[in-house]
């Protein structure tokens, strides 16, 4: 083996959109979650034409991730239990699928809906 082969480093870059999609899909799998809330419209979002219209914010430092997301729950669901289930599901999904360490998952219940 050459010196070059020994020093070959590997890297993987995951786009923020992929991370957000994994978070959204994980949250939507939890019983009692109807939808991901829409992000508040801000001038910055309009200027930079951000694609993410969901209320999901991520802070990534290296391979450590902090998540904040807004959800809409079913009006029959227990809010605290649903939020805790979302936290656990998002954390395990991101760690298993993307191999990122999740330090915290903040869940904001934005609304409760009984619509189909």
N, C-alpha and C. Protein backbone atom coordinates (compact mmCIF):
# COMPACT_ATOMS: atom_id res chain seq x y z
N UNK A 1 0.83 -1.17 0.00
CA UNK A 1 0.00 0.00 0.00
C UNK A 1 0.89 1.25 0.00
N UNK A 2 0.50 2.20 -0.81
CA UNK A 2 1.30 3.42 -0.90
C UNK A 2 0.95 4.38 0.23
N UNK A 3 1.82 5.38 0.40
CA UNK A 3 1.57 6.41 1.42
C UNK A 3 0.26 7.13 1.13
N UNK A 4 -0.05 7.33 -0.14
CA UNK A 4 -1.29 8.00 -0.52
C UNK A 4 -2.50 7.22 -0.03
N UNK A 5 -2.50 5.91 -0.18
CA UNK A 5 -3.63 5.09 0.24
C UNK A 5 -3.85 5.18 1.75
N UNK A 6 -2.79 5.26 2.52
CA UNK A 6 -2.93 5.33 3.97
C UNK A 6 -3.51 6.67 4.43
N UNK A 7 -3.29 7.73 3.66
CA UNK A 7 -3.75 9.06 4.06
C UNK A 7 -5.07 9.47 3.42
N UNK A 8 -5.68 8.56 2.66
CA UNK A 8 -6.92 8.87 1.99
C UNK A 8 -8.03 9.09 3.02
N UNK A 9 -8.63 10.25 2.99
CA UNK A 9 -9.71 10.52 3.95
C UNK A 9 -11.05 10.45 3.22
N UNK A 10 -12.05 10.08 3.96
CA UNK A 10 -13.38 9.95 3.39
C UNK A 10 -14.27 11.01 4.01
N UNK A 11 -15.18 11.51 3.23
CA UNK A 11 -16.14 12.47 3.77
C UNK A 11 -17.48 12.27 3.10
N UNK A 12 -18.51 12.62 3.83
CA UNK A 12 -19.87 12.52 3.34
C UNK A 12 -20.57 13.82 3.68
N UNK A 13 -21.20 14.43 2.70
CA UNK A 13 -21.93 15.67 2.91
C UNK A 13 -23.41 15.39 2.70
N UNK A 14 -24.22 15.74 3.69
CA UNK A 14 -25.66 15.54 3.62
C UNK A 14 -26.32 16.91 3.57
N UNK A 15 -27.15 17.12 2.57
CA UNK A 15 -27.78 18.43 2.43
C UNK A 15 -28.80 18.66 3.54
N UNK A 16 -29.05 19.92 3.84
CA UNK A 16 -30.02 20.27 4.86
C UNK A 16 -31.41 19.79 4.48
N UNK A 17 -31.72 19.80 3.18
CA UNK A 17 -33.02 19.35 2.73
C UNK A 17 -33.24 17.88 3.05
N UNK A 18 -32.20 17.06 2.94
CA UNK A 18 -32.31 15.64 3.26
C UNK A 18 -32.55 15.47 4.77
N UNK A 19 -31.82 16.21 5.57
CA UNK A 19 -31.99 16.13 7.02
C UNK A 19 -33.42 16.53 7.39
N UNK A 20 -33.91 17.61 6.80
CA UNK A 20 -35.26 18.08 7.07
C UNK A 20 -36.30 17.05 6.63
N UNK A 21 -36.09 16.42 5.49
CA UNK A 21 -37.02 15.38 5.03
C UNK A 21 -37.06 14.19 5.98
N UNK A 22 -35.91 13.78 6.48
CA UNK A 22 -35.87 12.66 7.44
C UNK A 22 -36.63 13.04 8.71
N UNK A 23 -36.42 14.26 9.19
CA UNK A 23 -37.12 14.73 10.39
C UNK A 23 -38.63 14.76 10.16
N UNK A 24 -39.06 15.32 9.03
CA UNK A 24 -40.50 15.43 8.74
C UNK A 24 -41.14 14.06 8.62
N UNK A 25 -40.49 13.15 7.90
CA UNK A 25 -41.05 11.81 7.72
C UNK A 25 -41.15 11.07 9.05
N UNK A 26 -40.14 11.22 9.89
CA UNK A 26 -40.16 10.56 11.20
C UNK A 26 -41.30 11.10 12.05
N UNK A 27 -41.48 12.42 12.07
CA UNK A 27 -42.54 13.03 12.87
C UNK A 27 -43.92 12.60 12.39
N UNK A 28 -44.09 12.51 11.08
CA UNK A 28 -45.39 12.15 10.52
C UNK A 28 -45.75 10.68 10.77
N UNK A 29 -44.77 9.85 11.10
CA UNK A 29 -45.03 8.44 11.41
C UNK A 29 -45.63 8.25 12.80
N UNK A 30 -45.56 9.27 13.63
CA UNK A 30 -46.04 9.16 15.02
C UNK A 30 -47.55 9.31 15.05
N UNK A 31 -48.22 8.39 15.76
CA UNK A 31 -49.67 8.47 15.92
C UNK A 31 -50.04 9.78 16.61
N UNK A 32 -51.05 10.45 16.08
CA UNK A 32 -51.51 11.70 16.65
C UNK A 32 -50.98 12.92 15.93
N UNK A 33 -49.96 12.76 15.08
CA UNK A 33 -49.43 13.89 14.32
C UNK A 33 -50.16 13.97 13.00
N UNK A 34 -50.82 15.11 12.76
CA UNK A 34 -51.57 15.31 11.51
C UNK A 34 -50.68 15.88 10.41
N UNK A 35 -49.80 16.81 10.78
CA UNK A 35 -48.98 17.49 9.78
C UNK A 35 -47.84 18.24 10.46
N UNK A 36 -46.88 18.63 9.63
CA UNK A 36 -45.83 19.54 10.07
C UNK A 36 -46.36 20.96 9.82
N UNK A 37 -46.26 21.82 10.81
CA UNK A 37 -46.75 23.19 10.67
C UNK A 37 -45.94 23.93 9.60
N UNK A 38 -46.57 24.92 9.00
CA UNK A 38 -45.87 25.76 8.03
C UNK A 38 -45.03 26.79 8.75
N UNK A 39 -43.88 27.09 8.19
CA UNK A 39 -42.99 28.09 8.76
C UNK A 39 -43.63 29.47 8.62
N UNK A 40 -43.34 30.32 9.57
CA UNK A 40 -43.82 31.69 9.49
C UNK A 40 -43.11 32.37 8.33
N UNK A 41 -43.84 33.19 7.60
CA UNK A 41 -43.23 33.90 6.47
C UNK A 41 -42.41 35.06 7.01
N UNK A 42 -41.17 35.06 6.62
CA UNK A 42 -40.24 36.11 7.03
C UNK A 42 -39.63 36.73 5.78
N UNK A 43 -39.27 38.00 5.83
CA UNK A 43 -38.67 38.64 4.66
C UNK A 43 -37.43 37.90 4.15
N UNK A 44 -36.63 37.37 5.07
CA UNK A 44 -35.42 36.65 4.67
C UNK A 44 -35.77 35.45 3.80
N UNK A 45 -36.84 34.73 4.15
CA UNK A 45 -37.25 33.56 3.39
C UNK A 45 -37.68 33.95 1.98
N UNK A 46 -38.34 35.10 1.86
CA UNK A 46 -38.79 35.55 0.54
C UNK A 46 -37.62 36.03 -0.31
N UNK A 47 -36.68 36.73 0.30
CA UNK A 47 -35.53 37.25 -0.44
C UNK A 47 -34.67 36.11 -0.98
N UNK A 48 -34.37 35.14 -0.11
CA UNK A 48 -33.49 34.05 -0.51
C UNK A 48 -34.26 32.88 -1.11
N UNK A 49 -35.58 33.00 -1.21
CA UNK A 49 -36.45 31.98 -1.80
C UNK A 49 -36.15 30.60 -1.24
N UNK A 50 -36.17 30.52 0.08
CA UNK A 50 -35.89 29.24 0.73
C UNK A 50 -36.97 28.23 0.37
N UNK A 51 -36.55 27.00 0.13
CA UNK A 51 -37.46 25.94 -0.29
C UNK A 51 -38.23 25.34 0.87
N UNK A 52 -37.66 25.38 2.07
CA UNK A 52 -38.30 24.75 3.21
C UNK A 52 -39.47 25.60 3.70
N UNK A 53 -40.69 25.11 3.47
CA UNK A 53 -41.87 25.82 3.94
C UNK A 53 -42.39 25.21 5.23
N UNK A 54 -41.72 24.18 5.72
CA UNK A 54 -42.13 23.53 6.96
C UNK A 54 -41.47 24.22 8.14
N UNK A 55 -42.14 24.10 9.30
CA UNK A 55 -41.62 24.70 10.52
C UNK A 55 -40.60 23.74 11.15
N UNK A 56 -39.49 23.57 10.47
CA UNK A 56 -38.40 22.72 10.96
C UNK A 56 -37.11 23.52 10.86
N UNK A 57 -36.45 23.66 12.00
CA UNK A 57 -35.17 24.37 12.03
C UNK A 57 -34.11 23.41 12.57
N UNK A 58 -32.96 23.43 11.94
CA UNK A 58 -31.88 22.57 12.40
C UNK A 58 -30.64 23.42 12.65
N UNK A 59 -29.88 23.02 13.64
CA UNK A 59 -28.58 23.62 13.92
C UNK A 59 -27.58 22.49 13.91
N UNK A 60 -26.67 22.54 12.95
CA UNK A 60 -25.71 21.47 12.75
C UNK A 60 -24.31 21.99 13.01
N UNK A 61 -23.63 21.37 13.96
CA UNK A 61 -22.23 21.71 14.26
C UNK A 61 -21.43 20.41 14.16
N UNK A 62 -20.69 20.28 13.07
CA UNK A 62 -19.99 19.02 12.83
C UNK A 62 -21.00 17.93 12.54
N UNK A 63 -21.00 16.89 13.35
CA UNK A 63 -22.01 15.84 13.19
C UNK A 63 -22.95 15.80 14.40
N UNK A 64 -23.15 16.97 15.03
CA UNK A 64 -24.06 17.10 16.17
C UNK A 64 -25.21 18.02 15.74
N UNK A 65 -26.43 17.56 15.99
CA UNK A 65 -27.61 18.23 15.47
C UNK A 65 -28.59 18.59 16.59
N UNK A 66 -29.15 19.80 16.50
CA UNK A 66 -30.25 20.22 17.37
C UNK A 66 -31.43 20.54 16.46
N UNK A 67 -32.61 20.09 16.83
CA UNK A 67 -33.79 20.21 15.98
C UNK A 67 -34.90 20.95 16.73
N UNK A 68 -35.60 21.81 16.02
CA UNK A 68 -36.83 22.44 16.51
C UNK A 68 -37.87 22.29 15.41
N UNK A 69 -39.04 21.74 15.76
CA UNK A 69 -40.07 21.59 14.75
C UNK A 69 -41.44 21.88 15.33
N UNK A 70 -42.32 22.39 14.48
CA UNK A 70 -43.69 22.67 14.85
C UNK A 70 -44.59 21.63 14.21
N UNK A 71 -45.54 21.12 14.99
CA UNK A 71 -46.44 20.10 14.47
C UNK A 71 -47.89 20.48 14.71
N UNK A 72 -48.76 19.85 13.94
CA UNK A 72 -50.20 19.95 14.14
C UNK A 72 -50.65 18.56 14.56
N UNK A 73 -51.32 18.49 15.71
CA UNK A 73 -51.73 17.19 16.21
C UNK A 73 -53.23 16.99 16.02
N UNK A 74 -53.65 15.74 16.09
CA UNK A 74 -55.06 15.39 16.07
C UNK A 74 -55.69 15.91 17.36
N UNK A 75 -56.90 16.42 17.25
CA UNK A 75 -57.55 17.00 18.44
C UNK A 75 -57.81 15.95 19.52
N UNK A 76 -57.81 14.68 19.16
CA UNK A 76 -58.04 13.60 20.13
C UNK A 76 -56.74 13.12 20.78
N UNK A 77 -55.60 13.54 20.26
CA UNK A 77 -54.31 13.05 20.75
C UNK A 77 -53.93 13.73 22.06
N UNK A 78 -53.19 13.02 22.87
CA UNK A 78 -52.65 13.58 24.11
C UNK A 78 -51.38 14.35 23.73
N UNK A 79 -51.38 15.65 23.99
CA UNK A 79 -50.33 16.54 23.50
C UNK A 79 -48.95 16.15 24.03
N UNK A 80 -48.82 15.95 25.33
CA UNK A 80 -47.50 15.68 25.92
C UNK A 80 -46.95 14.34 25.41
N UNK A 81 -47.80 13.32 25.42
CA UNK A 81 -47.34 12.01 24.96
C UNK A 81 -46.96 12.04 23.48
N UNK A 82 -47.74 12.75 22.67
CA UNK A 82 -47.44 12.85 21.24
C UNK A 82 -46.12 13.58 21.03
N UNK A 83 -45.90 14.67 21.74
CA UNK A 83 -44.65 15.43 21.60
C UNK A 83 -43.44 14.57 22.01
N UNK A 84 -43.58 13.82 23.10
CA UNK A 84 -42.48 12.95 23.54
C UNK A 84 -42.21 11.86 22.51
N UNK A 85 -43.26 11.30 21.92
CA UNK A 85 -43.08 10.28 20.89
C UNK A 85 -42.40 10.86 19.65
N UNK A 86 -42.74 12.09 19.30
CA UNK A 86 -42.08 12.76 18.17
C UNK A 86 -40.60 12.96 18.48
N UNK A 87 -40.29 13.42 19.68
CA UNK A 87 -38.89 13.60 20.07
C UNK A 87 -38.11 12.30 19.91
N UNK A 88 -38.64 11.22 20.44
CA UNK A 88 -37.95 9.93 20.39
C UNK A 88 -37.81 9.42 18.96
N UNK A 89 -38.87 9.54 18.17
CA UNK A 89 -38.85 9.04 16.79
C UNK A 89 -37.87 9.83 15.93
N UNK A 90 -37.90 11.16 16.06
CA UNK A 90 -36.99 12.00 15.27
C UNK A 90 -35.54 11.70 15.64
N UNK A 91 -35.27 11.63 16.93
CA UNK A 91 -33.90 11.37 17.38
C UNK A 91 -33.40 10.02 16.86
N UNK A 92 -34.19 8.97 17.02
CA UNK A 92 -33.73 7.64 16.59
C UNK A 92 -33.61 7.56 15.07
N UNK A 93 -34.53 8.16 14.34
CA UNK A 93 -34.47 8.11 12.88
C UNK A 93 -33.25 8.84 12.33
N UNK A 94 -33.00 10.03 12.84
CA UNK A 94 -31.84 10.81 12.35
C UNK A 94 -30.54 10.09 12.71
N UNK A 95 -30.44 9.59 13.92
CA UNK A 95 -29.21 8.90 14.34
C UNK A 95 -29.00 7.62 13.54
N UNK A 96 -30.05 6.86 13.28
CA UNK A 96 -29.91 5.61 12.55
C UNK A 96 -29.68 5.81 11.06
N UNK A 97 -30.41 6.74 10.45
CA UNK A 97 -30.33 6.92 9.01
C UNK A 97 -29.14 7.77 8.57
N UNK A 98 -28.81 8.79 9.36
CA UNK A 98 -27.80 9.75 8.93
C UNK A 98 -26.53 9.72 9.77
N UNK A 99 -26.53 8.92 10.82
CA UNK A 99 -25.38 8.79 11.70
C UNK A 99 -24.93 10.15 12.27
N UNK A 100 -25.94 10.98 12.59
CA UNK A 100 -25.68 12.26 13.25
C UNK A 100 -26.13 12.15 14.70
N UNK A 101 -25.37 12.74 15.61
CA UNK A 101 -25.76 12.75 17.01
C UNK A 101 -26.77 13.87 17.22
N UNK A 102 -27.92 13.53 17.79
CA UNK A 102 -28.97 14.51 18.05
C UNK A 102 -28.93 14.87 19.53
N UNK A 103 -28.65 16.14 19.81
CA UNK A 103 -28.54 16.58 21.20
C UNK A 103 -29.88 16.95 21.79
N UNK A 104 -30.77 17.53 20.96
CA UNK A 104 -32.09 17.86 21.47
C UNK A 104 -33.08 17.97 20.32
N UNK A 105 -34.34 17.68 20.66
CA UNK A 105 -35.44 17.84 19.72
C UNK A 105 -36.52 18.63 20.44
N UNK A 106 -36.70 19.88 20.03
CA UNK A 106 -37.74 20.73 20.59
C UNK A 106 -38.98 20.61 19.72
N UNK A 107 -40.11 20.27 20.34
CA UNK A 107 -41.36 20.12 19.60
C UNK A 107 -42.33 21.20 20.06
N UNK A 108 -42.82 21.98 19.11
CA UNK A 108 -43.82 23.02 19.38
C UNK A 108 -45.13 22.59 18.74
N UNK A 109 -46.16 22.44 19.55
CA UNK A 109 -47.48 22.08 19.03
C UNK A 109 -48.14 23.38 18.59
N UNK A 110 -48.31 23.54 17.29
CA UNK A 110 -48.84 24.80 16.73
C UNK A 110 -50.36 24.82 16.64
N UNK A 111 -50.97 23.62 16.54
CA UNK A 111 -52.43 23.57 16.38
C UNK A 111 -52.91 22.15 16.63
N UNK A 112 -54.20 22.03 16.89
CA UNK A 112 -54.86 20.73 16.99
C UNK A 112 -56.00 20.73 16.00
N UNK A 113 -56.10 19.68 15.22
CA UNK A 113 -57.08 19.64 14.15
C UNK A 113 -57.87 18.34 14.19
N UNK A 114 -59.14 18.44 13.87
CA UNK A 114 -59.96 17.23 13.80
C UNK A 114 -60.31 16.90 12.35
N UNK A 115 -59.81 17.69 11.43
CA UNK A 115 -60.10 17.47 10.00
C UNK A 115 -59.46 16.19 9.52
N UNK A 116 -60.13 15.52 8.57
CA UNK A 116 -59.75 14.25 8.02
C UNK A 116 -58.36 14.14 7.61
